PDB file of N, CA and C in Angstrom:
ATOM      1  N   MET A   1      13.447   7.897  23.872  1.00  0.00           N
ATOM      2  CA  MET A   1      12.687   9.056  23.423  1.00  0.00           C
ATOM      3  C   MET A   1      11.966   9.641  24.644  1.00  0.00           C
ATOM      4  N   LYS A   2      12.132  10.935  24.858  1.00  0.00           N
ATOM      5  CA  LYS A   2      11.558  11.594  26.026  1.00  0.00           C
ATOM      6  C   LYS A   2      10.164  12.154  25.774  1.00  0.00           C
ATOM      7  N   VAL A   3       9.735  12.147  24.523  1.00  0.00           N
ATOM      8  CA  VAL A   3       8.417  12.670  24.170  1.00  0.00           C
ATOM      9  C   VAL A   3       7.398  11.547  24.284  1.00  0.00           C
ATOM     10  N   LYS A   4       6.295  11.820  24.962  1.00  0.00           N
ATOM     11  CA  LYS A   4       5.233  10.840  25.156  1.00  0.00           C
ATOM     12  C   LYS A   4       3.925  11.359  24.558  1.00  0.00           C
ATOM     13  N   LYS A   5       2.961  10.472  24.420  1.00  0.00           N
ATOM     14  CA  LYS A   5       1.636  10.834  23.931  1.00  0.00           C
ATOM     15  C   LYS A   5       1.002  11.838  24.894  1.00  0.00           C
ATOM     16  N   ASN A   6       0.283  12.808  24.363  1.00  0.00           N
ATOM     17  CA  ASN A   6      -0.421  13.877  25.086  1.00  0.00           C
ATOM     18  C   ASN A   6       0.499  14.956  25.657  1.00  0.00           C
ATOM     19  N   ASP A   7       1.802  14.937  25.362  1.00  0.00           N
ATOM     20  CA  ASP A   7       2.693  16.027  25.771  1.00  0.00           C
ATOM     21  C   ASP A   7       2.466  17.229  24.858  1.00  0.00           C
ATOM     22  N   ASN A   8       2.594  18.419  25.412  1.00  0.00           N
ATOM     23  CA  ASN A   8       2.578  19.633  24.595  1.00  0.00           C
ATOM     24  C   ASN A   8       4.015  19.910  24.169  1.00  0.00           C
ATOM     25  N   VAL A   9       4.211  20.146  22.869  1.00  0.00           N
ATOM     26  CA  VAL A   9       5.556  20.341  22.343  1.00  0.00           C
ATOM     27  C   VAL A   9       5.634  21.618  21.518  1.00  0.00           C
ATOM     28  N   LEU A  10       6.852  22.154  21.426  1.00  0.00           N
ATOM     29  CA  LEU A  10       7.168  23.310  20.592  1.00  0.00           C
ATOM     30  C   LEU A  10       7.957  22.799  19.396  1.00  0.00           C
ATOM     31  N   ILE A  11       7.599  23.241  18.193  1.00  0.00           N
ATOM     32  CA  ILE A  11       8.284  22.828  16.977  1.00  0.00           C
ATOM     33  C   ILE A  11       9.506  23.727  16.790  1.00  0.00           C
ATOM     34  N   LEU A  12      10.692  23.102  16.649  1.00  0.00           N
ATOM     35  CA  LEU A  12      11.949  23.841  16.568  1.00  0.00           C
ATOM     36  C   LEU A  12      12.433  24.061  15.145  1.00  0.00           C
ATOM     37  N   ALA A  13      11.973  23.260  14.179  1.00  0.00           N
ATOM     38  CA  ALA A  13      12.467  23.374  12.805  1.00  0.00           C
ATOM     39  C   ALA A  13      11.360  23.012  11.827  1.00  0.00           C
ATOM     40  N   GLY A  14      11.514  23.477  10.609  1.00  0.00           N
ATOM     41  CA  GLY A  14      10.568  23.144   9.551  1.00  0.00           C
ATOM     42  C   GLY A  14       9.601  24.281   9.268  1.00  0.00           C
ATOM     43  N   LYS A  15       8.609  23.988   8.435  1.00  0.00           N
ATOM     44  CA  LYS A  15       7.661  25.019   8.006  1.00  0.00           C
ATOM     45  C   LYS A  15       6.762  25.508   9.128  1.00  0.00           C
ATOM     46  N   ASP A  16       6.612  24.717  10.202  1.00  0.00           N
ATOM     47  CA  ASP A  16       5.764  25.094  11.336  1.00  0.00           C
ATOM     48  C   ASP A  16       6.579  25.527  12.553  1.00  0.00           C
ATOM     49  N   LYS A  17       7.785  26.006  12.338  1.00  0.00           N
ATOM     50  CA  LYS A  17       8.677  26.419  13.415  1.00  0.00           C
ATOM     51  C   LYS A  17       8.013  27.470  14.301  1.00  0.00           C
ATOM     52  N   GLY A  18       8.084  27.268  15.620  1.00  0.00           N
ATOM     53  CA  GLY A  18       7.511  28.211  16.577  1.00  0.00           C
ATOM     54  C   GLY A  18       6.112  27.866  17.020  1.00  0.00           C
ATOM     55  N   LYS A  19       5.446  26.949  16.353  1.00  0.00           N
ATOM     56  CA  LYS A  19       4.089  26.554  16.726  1.00  0.00           C
ATOM     57  C   LYS A  19       4.134  25.509  17.831  1.00  0.00           C
ATOM     58  N   THR A  20       3.020  25.389  18.541  1.00  0.00           N
ATOM     59  CA  THR A  20       2.914  24.370  19.578  1.00  0.00           C
ATOM     60  C   THR A  20       1.743  23.451  19.268  1.00  0.00           C
ATOM     61  N   GLY A  21       1.812  22.245  19.804  1.00  0.00           N
ATOM     62  CA  GLY A  21       0.741  21.285  19.595  1.00  0.00           C
ATOM     63  C   GLY A  21       0.861  20.113  20.535  1.00  0.00           C
ATOM     64  N   ARG A  22      -0.154  19.250  20.508  1.00  0.00           N
ATOM     65  CA  ARG A  22      -0.203  18.075  21.377  1.00  0.00           C
ATOM     66  C   ARG A  22       0.184  16.838  20.573  1.00  0.00           C
ATOM     67  N   VAL A  23       1.013  15.979  21.172  1.00  0.00           N
ATOM     68  CA  VAL A  23       1.458  14.759  20.506  1.00  0.00           C
ATOM     69  C   VAL A  23       0.300  13.767  20.464  1.00  0.00           C
ATOM     70  N   ILE A  24      -0.048  13.311  19.254  1.00  0.00           N
ATOM     71  CA  ILE A  24      -1.120  12.342  19.063  1.00  0.00           C
ATOM     72  C   ILE A  24      -0.579  10.921  19.137  1.00  0.00           C
ATOM     73  N   LYS A  25       0.589  10.710  18.507  1.00  0.00           N
ATOM     74  CA  LYS A  25       1.142   9.368  18.399  1.00  0.00           C
ATOM     75  C   LYS A  25       2.659   9.443  18.331  1.00  0.00           C
ATOM     76  N   THR A  26       3.335   8.442  18.912  1.00  0.00           N
ATOM     77  CA  THR A  26       4.783   8.357  18.809  1.00  0.00           C
ATOM     78  C   THR A  26       5.149   7.129  17.994  1.00  0.00           C
ATOM     79  N   LEU A  27       6.135   7.287  17.116  1.00  0.00           N
ATOM     80  CA  LEU A  27       6.646   6.187  16.307  1.00  0.00           C
ATOM     81  C   LEU A  27       8.085   5.932  16.767  1.00  0.00           C
ATOM     82  N   LYS A  28       8.255   5.083  17.768  1.00  0.00           N
ATOM     83  CA  LYS A  28       9.544   4.912  18.435  1.00  0.00           C
ATOM     84  C   LYS A  28      10.627   4.338  17.525  1.00  0.00           C
ATOM     85  N   LYS A  29      10.301   3.374  16.686  1.00  0.00           N
ATOM     86  CA  LYS A  29      11.320   2.759  15.828  1.00  0.00           C
ATOM     87  C   LYS A  29      11.850   3.738  14.792  1.00  0.00           C
ATOM     88  N   GLN A  30      11.045   4.690  14.393  1.00  0.00           N
ATOM     89  CA  GLN A  30      11.449   5.678  13.390  1.00  0.00           C
ATOM     90  C   GLN A  30      11.904   6.990  14.020  1.00  0.00           C
ATOM     91  N   ASP A  31      11.831   7.121  15.359  1.00  0.00           N
ATOM     92  CA  ASP A  31      12.168   8.356  16.082  1.00  0.00           C
ATOM     93  C   ASP A  31      11.362   9.541  15.579  1.00  0.00           C
ATOM     94  N   ARG A  32      10.065   9.339  15.400  1.00  0.00           N
ATOM     95  CA  ARG A  32       9.182  10.395  14.904  1.00  0.00           C
ATOM     96  C   ARG A  32       7.932  10.497  15.771  1.00  0.00           C
ATOM     97  N   VAL A  33       7.301  11.662  15.730  1.00  0.00           N
ATOM     98  CA  VAL A  33       6.042  11.890  16.442  1.00  0.00           C
ATOM     99  C   VAL A  33       5.056  12.556  15.501  1.00  0.00           C
ATOM    100  N   ILE A  34       3.767  12.352  15.762  1.00  0.00           N
ATOM    101  CA  ILE A  34       2.713  13.027  15.018  1.00  0.00           C
ATOM    102  C   ILE A  34       2.080  14.030  15.971  1.00  0.00           C
ATOM    103  N   VAL A  35       2.107  15.302  15.572  1.00  0.00           N
ATOM    104  CA  VAL A  35       1.614  16.388  16.416  1.00  0.00           C
ATOM    105  C   VAL A  35       0.329  16.941  15.810  1.00  0.00           C
ATOM    106  N   GLU A  36      -0.656  17.167  16.656  1.00  0.00           N
ATOM    107  CA  GLU A  36      -1.971  17.636  16.226  1.00  0.00           C
ATOM    108  C   GLU A  36      -1.871  19.020  15.569  1.00  0.00           C
ATOM    109  N   GLY A  37      -2.309  19.118  14.305  1.00  0.00           N
ATOM    110  CA  GLY A  37      -2.346  20.388  13.596  1.00  0.00           C
ATOM    111  C   GLY A  37      -1.014  20.864  13.056  1.00  0.00           C
ATOM    112  N   ILE A  38       0.027  20.038  13.113  1.00  0.00           N
ATOM    113  CA  ILE A  38       1.362  20.421  12.669  1.00  0.00           C
ATOM    114  C   ILE A  38       1.787  19.515  11.519  1.00  0.00           C
ATOM    115  N   ASN A  39       2.544  20.065  10.558  1.00  0.00           N
ATOM    116  CA  ASN A  39       3.072  19.328   9.416  1.00  0.00           C
ATOM    117  C   ASN A  39       1.944  18.711   8.587  1.00  0.00           C
ATOM    118  N   ILE A  40       0.979  19.536   8.217  1.00  0.00           N
ATOM    119  CA  ILE A  40      -0.171  19.097   7.420  1.00  0.00           C
ATOM    120  C   ILE A  40       0.264  18.899   5.967  1.00  0.00           C
ATOM    121  N   VAL A  41      -0.068  17.741   5.402  1.00  0.00           N
ATOM    122  CA  VAL A  41       0.235  17.446   4.006  1.00  0.00           C
ATOM    123  C   VAL A  41      -1.041  16.980   3.308  1.00  0.00           C
ATOM    124  N   LYS A  42      -1.036  17.067   1.985  1.00  0.00           N
ATOM    125  CA  LYS A  42      -2.175  16.615   1.191  1.00  0.00           C
ATOM    126  C   LYS A  42      -1.956  15.155   0.815  1.00  0.00           C
ATOM    127  N   LYS A  43      -2.974  14.313   0.986  1.00  0.00           N
ATOM    128  CA  LYS A  43      -2.906  12.908   0.602  1.00  0.00           C
ATOM    129  C   LYS A  43      -3.994  12.637  -0.425  1.00  0.00           C
ATOM    130  N   HIS A  44      -3.592  12.126  -1.585  1.00  0.00           N
ATOM    131  CA  HIS A  44      -4.524  11.775  -2.643  1.00  0.00           C
ATOM    132  C   HIS A  44      -4.994  10.345  -2.421  1.00  0.00           C
ATOM    133  N   VAL A  45      -6.318  10.136  -2.379  1.00  0.00           N
ATOM    134  CA  VAL A  45      -6.886   8.829  -2.098  1.00  0.00           C
ATOM    135  C   VAL A  45      -7.811   8.433  -3.242  1.00  0.00           C
ATOM    136  N   LYS A  46      -7.588   7.235  -3.767  1.00  0.00           N
ATOM    137  CA  LYS A  46      -8.456   6.717  -4.825  1.00  0.00           C
ATOM    138  C   LYS A  46      -9.763   6.239  -4.208  1.00  0.00           C
ATOM    139  N   PRO A  47     -10.833   6.239  -4.959  1.00  0.00           N
ATOM    140  CA  PRO A  47     -12.087   5.693  -4.440  1.00  0.00           C
ATOM    141  C   PRO A  47     -11.922   4.214  -4.096  1.00  0.00           C
ATOM    142  N   ASN A  48     -12.495   3.819  -2.961  1.00  0.00           N
ATOM    143  CA  ASN A  48     -12.447   2.415  -2.547  1.00  0.00           C
ATOM    144  C   ASN A  48     -13.725   2.082  -1.794  1.00  0.00           C
ATOM    145  N   GLN A  49     -13.771   0.902  -1.205  1.00  0.00           N
ATOM    146  CA  GLN A  49     -14.984   0.455  -0.538  1.00  0.00           C
ATOM    147  C   GLN A  49     -15.315   1.319   0.682  1.00  0.00           C
ATOM    148  N   ASN A  50     -14.287   1.776   1.408  1.00  0.00           N
ATOM    149  CA  ASN A  50     -14.520   2.607   2.597  1.00  0.00           C
ATOM    150  C   ASN A  50     -14.842   4.053   2.226  1.00  0.00           C
ATOM    151  N   ASN A  51     -14.251   4.543   1.162  1.00  0.00           N
ATOM    152  CA  ASN A  51     -14.411   5.933   0.743  1.00  0.00           C
ATOM    153  C   ASN A  51     -14.837   5.935  -0.723  1.00  0.00           C
ATOM    154  N   GLU A  52     -16.117   6.091  -0.964  1.00  0.00           N
ATOM    155  CA  GLU A  52     -16.654   5.961  -2.317  1.00  0.00           C
ATOM    156  C   GLU A  52     -16.167   7.040  -3.267  1.00  0.00           C
ATOM    157  N   ASN A  53     -15.954   8.265  -2.785  1.00  0.00           N
ATOM    158  CA  ASN A  53     -15.592   9.374  -3.659  1.00  0.00           C
ATOM    159  C   ASN A  53     -14.091   9.526  -3.851  1.00  0.00           C
ATOM    160  N   GLY A  54     -13.307   9.151  -2.862  1.00  0.00           N
ATOM    161  CA  GLY A  54     -11.881   9.440  -2.935  1.00  0.00           C
ATOM    162  C   GLY A  54     -11.659  10.928  -2.742  1.00  0.00           C
ATOM    163  N   GLY A  55     -10.543  11.443  -3.210  1.00  0.00           N
ATOM    164  CA  GLY A  55     -10.293  12.880  -3.125  1.00  0.00           C
ATOM    165  C   GLY A  55      -8.957  13.198  -2.510  1.00  0.00           C
ATOM    166  N   ILE A  56      -8.804  14.455  -2.127  1.00  0.00           N
ATOM    167  CA  ILE A  56      -7.576  14.950  -1.530  1.00  0.00           C
ATOM    168  C   ILE A  56      -7.871  15.304  -0.075  1.00  0.00           C
ATOM    169  N   PHE A  57      -7.121  14.701   0.852  1.00  0.00           N
ATOM    170  CA  PHE A  57      -7.352  14.903   2.272  1.00  0.00           C
ATOM    171  C   PHE A  57      -6.124  15.534   2.920  1.00  0.00           C
ATOM    172  N   ASP A  58      -6.351  16.357   3.941  1.00  0.00           N
ATOM    173  CA  ASP A  58      -5.267  16.932   4.738  1.00  0.00           C
ATOM    174  C   ASP A  58      -5.013  16.018   5.926  1.00  0.00           C
ATOM    175  N   ILE A  59      -3.758  15.563   6.080  1.00  0.00           N
ATOM    176  CA  ILE A  59      -3.406  14.714   7.223  1.00  0.00           C
ATOM    177  C   ILE A  59      -2.149  15.257   7.891  1.00  0.00           C
ATOM    178  N   GLU A  60      -1.930  14.871   9.148  1.00  0.00           N
ATOM    179  CA  GLU A  60      -0.711  15.242   9.861  1.00  0.00           C
ATOM    180  C   GLU A  60       0.368  14.212   9.551  1.00  0.00           C
ATOM    181  N   ALA A  61       1.507  14.670   9.052  1.00  0.00           N
ATOM    182  CA  ALA A  61       2.626  13.792   8.757  1.00  0.00           C
ATOM    183  C   ALA A  61       3.561  13.755   9.965  1.00  0.00           C
ATOM    184  N   PRO A  62       4.309  12.662  10.123  1.00  0.00           N
ATOM    185  CA  PRO A  62       5.254  12.576  11.247  1.00  0.00           C
ATOM    186  C   PRO A  62       6.379  13.594  11.122  1.00  0.00           C
ATOM    187  N   ILE A  63       6.892  14.034  12.271  1.00  0.00           N
ATOM    188  CA  ILE A  63       8.023  14.955  12.324  1.00  0.00           C
ATOM    189  C   ILE A  63       9.078  14.325  13.228  1.00  0.00           C
ATOM    190  N   HIS A  64      10.348  14.508  12.895  1.00  0.00           N
ATOM    191  CA  HIS A  64      11.423  13.876  13.666  1.00  0.00           C
ATOM    192  C   HIS A  64      11.454  14.430  15.082  1.00  0.00           C
ATOM    193  N   VAL A  65      11.751  13.546  16.020  1.00  0.00           N
ATOM    194  CA  VAL A  65      11.702  13.907  17.436  1.00  0.00           C
ATOM    195  C   VAL A  65      12.752  14.957  17.798  1.00  0.00           C
ATOM    196  N   SER A  66      13.824  15.073  17.019  1.00  0.00           N
ATOM    197  CA  SER A  66      14.847  16.082  17.303  1.00  0.00           C
ATOM    198  C   SER A  66      14.367  17.485  16.973  1.00  0.00           C
ATOM    199  N   ASN A  67      13.267  17.595  16.238  1.00  0.00           N
ATOM    200  CA  ASN A  67      12.726  18.903  15.857  1.00  0.00           C
ATOM    201  C   ASN A  67      11.607  19.371  16.779  1.00  0.00           C
ATOM    202  N   VAL A  68      11.382  18.675  17.895  1.00  0.00           N
ATOM    203  CA  VAL A  68      10.371  19.097  18.863  1.00  0.00           C
ATOM    204  C   VAL A  68      10.986  19.191  20.246  1.00  0.00           C
ATOM    205  N   LYS A  69      10.384  20.040  21.075  1.00  0.00           N
ATOM    206  CA  LYS A  69      10.846  20.229  22.454  1.00  0.00           C
ATOM    207  C   LYS A  69       9.632  20.161  23.361  1.00  0.00           C
ATOM    208  N   VAL A  70       9.713  19.354  24.409  1.00  0.00           N
ATOM    209  CA  VAL A  70       8.595  19.204  25.333  1.00  0.00           C
ATOM    210  C   VAL A  70       8.434  20.479  26.146  1.00  0.00           C
ATOM    211  N   ILE A  71       7.213  21.018  26.156  1.00  0.00           N
ATOM    212  CA  ILE A  71       6.893  22.214  26.936  1.00  0.00           C
ATOM    213  C   ILE A  71       6.213  21.810  28.232  1.00  0.00           C
ATOM    214  N   ASP A  72       5.197  20.956  28.107  1.00  0.00           N
ATOM    215  CA  ASP A  72       4.385  20.573  29.258  1.00  0.00           C
ATOM    216  C   ASP A  72       3.994  19.118  29.106  1.00  0.00           C
ATOM    217  N   THR A  73       4.146  18.343  30.170  1.00  0.00           N
ATOM    218  CA  THR A  73       3.735  16.939  30.113  1.00  0.00           C
ATOM    219  C   THR A  73       2.378  16.806  30.767  1.00  0.00           C
ATOM    220  N   LYS A  74       1.514  16.060  30.133  1.00  0.00           N
ATOM    221  CA  LYS A  74       0.165  15.807  30.657  1.00  0.00           C
ATOM    222  C   LYS A  74       0.141  14.406  31.233  1.00  0.00           C
ATOM    223  N   LYS A  75       0.022  14.301  32.524  1.00  0.00           N
ATOM    224  CA  LYS A  75      -0.039  12.992  33.169  1.00  0.00           C
ATOM    225  C   LYS A  75      -1.497  12.583  33.274  1.00  0.00           C
ATOM    226  N   GLU A  76      -1.803  11.413  32.725  1.00  0.00           N
ATOM    227  CA  GLU A  76      -3.172  10.899  32.789  1.00  0.00           C
ATOM    228  C   GLU A  76      -3.389  10.228  34.129  1.00  0.00           C
ATOM    229  N   LYS A  77      -4.493  10.536  34.770  1.00  0.00           N
ATOM    230  CA  LYS A  77      -4.809   9.930  36.059  1.00  0.00           C
ATOM    231  C   LYS A  77      -5.483   8.586  35.825  1.00  0.00           C
ATOM    232  N   LYS A  78      -4.990   7.583  36.518  1.00  0.00           N
ATOM    233  CA  LYS A  78      -5.600   6.248  36.424  1.00  0.00           C
ATOM    234  C   LYS A  78      -6.371   5.998  37.712  1.00  0.00           C
ATOM    235  N   ASP A  79      -7.694   5.925  37.606  1.00  0.00           N
ATOM    236  CA  ASP A  79      -8.525   5.713  38.800  1.00  0.00           C
ATOM    237  C   ASP A  79      -8.877   4.259  38.958  1.00  0.00           C
TER     238      ASP A  79
END
């Protein structure tokens, strides 16, 4: 997989086609990436010990790596 964390990518397919975003996380075994602000879905959560109220939350769902194209790579400096 050529896509790495913190790369800027262009979405090539799906409901967010043409948008750009930064890769938050890569899921190598599934060939998927999670892009910041892209592929937002609603998740219903029951009340539990961590979240007393529960509710409906917007989260970023993974998108297949074949549907993204790297625009700019961000190299982190290690001092």
